[in-house]
Protein backbone atom coordinates (compact mmCIF):
# COMPACT_ATOMS: atom_id res chain seq x y z
CA MET A 1 117.07 131.21 92.85
CA ASN A 2 120.87 130.52 92.48
CA ASP A 3 122.19 127.24 90.98
CA GLU A 4 123.31 125.53 94.12
CA ARG A 5 119.88 125.81 95.57
CA GLU A 6 118.44 124.49 92.70
CA ASP A 7 120.79 121.61 92.19
CA LEU A 8 119.93 120.71 95.99
CA ILE A 9 116.35 120.64 95.54
CA GLN A 10 116.78 118.70 92.23
CA ARG A 11 119.01 116.16 94.15
CA ILE A 12 116.36 115.97 97.17
CA THR A 13 113.62 115.53 94.59
CA GLU A 14 115.57 112.61 93.04
CA THR A 15 116.24 110.94 96.26
CA GLN A 16 112.47 111.11 97.26
CA ARG A 17 111.48 109.62 93.96
CA GLY A 18 114.24 106.89 94.31
CA LEU A 19 112.83 106.14 98.11
CA GLY A 20 109.38 106.00 96.54
CA ARG A 21 110.54 103.37 94.20
CA VAL A 22 112.05 101.24 96.55
CA PHE A 23 108.99 101.32 98.96
CA ALA A 24 106.66 100.57 95.77
CA GLN A 25 108.76 97.25 95.34
CA HIS A 26 107.38 96.08 98.79
CA LYS A 27 103.99 94.68 99.08
CA SER A 28 101.63 97.65 100.34
CA PRO A 29 97.76 97.69 100.67
CA LEU A 30 98.20 100.70 98.16
CA PHE A 31 99.37 98.56 95.51
CA THR A 32 97.15 95.29 96.51
CA SER A 33 93.76 96.88 97.15
CA ASN A 34 92.34 96.37 93.61
CA LEU A 35 90.96 99.91 93.90
CA THR A 36 91.53 102.34 91.25
CA MET A 37 93.41 105.73 91.74
CA ARG A 38 90.14 107.50 91.94
CA GLN A 39 88.80 105.19 94.39
CA LEU A 40 91.96 105.69 96.74
CA LYS A 41 91.73 109.25 96.32
CA VAL A 42 88.26 109.13 97.67
CA ILE A 43 88.97 107.15 100.37
CA MET A 44 91.99 109.21 101.38
CA LEU A 45 89.67 112.41 101.36
CA VAL A 46 87.03 110.86 103.30
CA ALA A 47 89.72 109.83 105.92
CA VAL A 48 91.39 113.23 106.00
CA ASN A 49 88.06 115.08 106.37
CA GLY A 50 86.43 112.61 108.59
CA SER A 51 83.21 112.75 106.07
CA ALA A 52 82.36 114.32 102.79
CA THR A 53 79.48 115.03 100.52
CA GLY A 54 79.53 114.23 96.84
CA GLN A 55 79.69 117.68 96.23
CA ASP A 56 82.81 118.08 98.10
CA LEU A 57 84.25 114.99 96.30
CA ALA A 58 83.53 116.02 92.89
CA HIS A 59 85.09 119.36 93.51
CA HIS A 60 88.28 117.77 94.99
CA LEU A 61 88.41 114.93 92.21
CA GLY A 62 87.70 117.66 89.51
CA VAL A 63 84.75 115.34 87.92
CA ALA A 64 80.99 115.63 87.46
CA LEU A 65 78.67 114.57 90.72
CA ALA A 66 77.72 111.37 88.66
CA THR A 67 81.41 110.15 88.27
CA VAL A 68 81.46 110.42 92.25
CA THR A 69 78.21 108.69 92.47
CA GLY A 70 79.50 105.74 90.52
CA LEU A 71 82.75 105.76 92.80
CA VAL A 72 80.87 105.65 95.74
CA ASP A 73 78.56 103.19 94.96
CA ARG A 74 81.82 100.67 94.21
CA LEU A 75 83.37 101.65 97.15
CA VAL A 76 80.01 100.84 99.17
CA ALA A 77 79.80 97.60 97.42
CA HIS A 78 83.49 96.98 98.54
CA GLY A 79 82.32 97.80 102.22
CA LEU A 80 84.89 100.63 102.63
CA VAL A 81 82.63 103.63 102.79
CA SER A 82 78.76 104.30 103.69
CA ARG A 83 76.55 107.02 103.01
CA HIS A 84 74.48 108.85 105.82
CA GLU A 85 71.99 111.79 106.17
CA ASP A 86 73.76 114.90 107.24
CA PRO A 87 72.50 115.46 110.63
CA HIS A 88 72.29 119.32 109.88
CA ASP A 89 70.73 119.06 106.33
CA ARG A 90 68.60 116.19 105.67
CA ARG A 91 68.74 116.87 102.07
CA VAL A 92 72.61 116.17 102.02
CA ARG A 93 74.20 112.67 101.96
CA ARG A 94 77.81 112.24 103.66
CA VAL A 95 79.94 109.68 102.93
CA GLU A 96 81.98 108.15 105.82
CA LEU A 97 84.67 105.48 106.02
CA THR A 98 83.33 102.16 107.51
CA ASP A 99 85.47 100.18 109.85
CA ALA A 100 86.90 98.28 106.90
CA GLY A 101 87.95 101.66 104.92
CA ALA A 102 89.52 103.14 108.14
CA LYS A 103 91.67 99.71 108.64
CA LEU A 104 92.66 100.12 104.87
CA VAL A 105 93.61 103.78 105.36
CA GLU A 106 95.81 102.71 108.47
CA GLU A 107 97.44 99.69 106.88
CA ILE A 108 98.66 102.13 103.84
CA ASN A 109 99.89 104.78 106.32
CA ASN A 110 101.41 102.25 108.55
CA THR A 111 103.23 100.64 105.61
CA GLY A 112 104.96 103.76 104.58
CA LEU A 113 105.75 104.65 108.16
CA GLN A 114 106.98 101.41 108.95
CA GLN A 115 109.49 101.53 105.77
CA TYR A 116 110.82 104.70 106.87
CA ARG A 117 111.23 103.73 110.45
CA ARG A 118 113.15 100.60 109.37
CA ILE A 119 115.63 102.84 107.26
CA MET A 120 115.78 105.30 110.31
CA GLU A 121 117.05 102.23 112.64
CA HIS A 122 119.99 102.17 110.64
CA LEU A 123 120.97 105.99 110.78
CA ASP A 124 123.30 107.12 113.37
CA THR A 125 122.17 109.33 116.35
CA GLU A 126 123.47 112.59 114.75
CA THR A 127 121.83 111.92 111.38
CA LEU A 128 118.78 111.40 113.02
CA ARG A 129 119.13 114.75 114.90
CA CYS A 130 119.58 116.30 111.63
CA LEU A 131 116.79 114.79 109.98
CA ASP A 132 114.67 115.49 112.81
CA HIS A 133 115.59 119.51 112.18
CA VAL A 134 114.94 119.22 108.69
CA THR A 135 111.75 117.43 108.70
CA THR A 136 110.37 119.59 111.56
CA ARG A 137 111.42 122.62 109.51
CA LEU A 138 109.76 121.02 106.37
CA ARG A 139 106.30 120.58 108.40
CA GLN A 140 106.78 124.42 109.67
CA VAL A 141 106.92 125.53 105.81
CA ALA A 142 104.38 123.22 104.63
CA ASP A 143 101.99 124.56 107.37
CA LYS A 144 102.83 128.15 106.65
CA LEU A 145 102.15 127.62 102.79
CA TYR A 146 99.16 125.05 102.91
CA GLY A 147 97.59 125.82 106.46
CA ASP A 148 96.96 122.84 108.93
């Protein structure tokens, strides 16, 4: 990679970090939820996949199944997830978001989007066109690298 490309990537990365620090200063359910990072990861994994088994969660988190059991127990106690029999295999228990868990995920996502939208409302139309082009291209490359 040439020096100019590396410098641009570095500057963009630093800008993203700076935006993250700005956003972190504003109240977000991500920071006010009283959940641990692992619990938040479980919530997000279940939200992305619709449901998950303990084995799925253990694999994605890189922890033992016993650790997942404790995490899920605490999330059940918070009313954010529930356990159900897998309809295709009664031996398997699936973890799903409750309405409260889905609401938390929606609040986390919406808070970030609202913050981005507030910034974008201050950009001129030409800058927004450029940003649209760049973010569309980023999504295309991400889909190619990581799949849908």
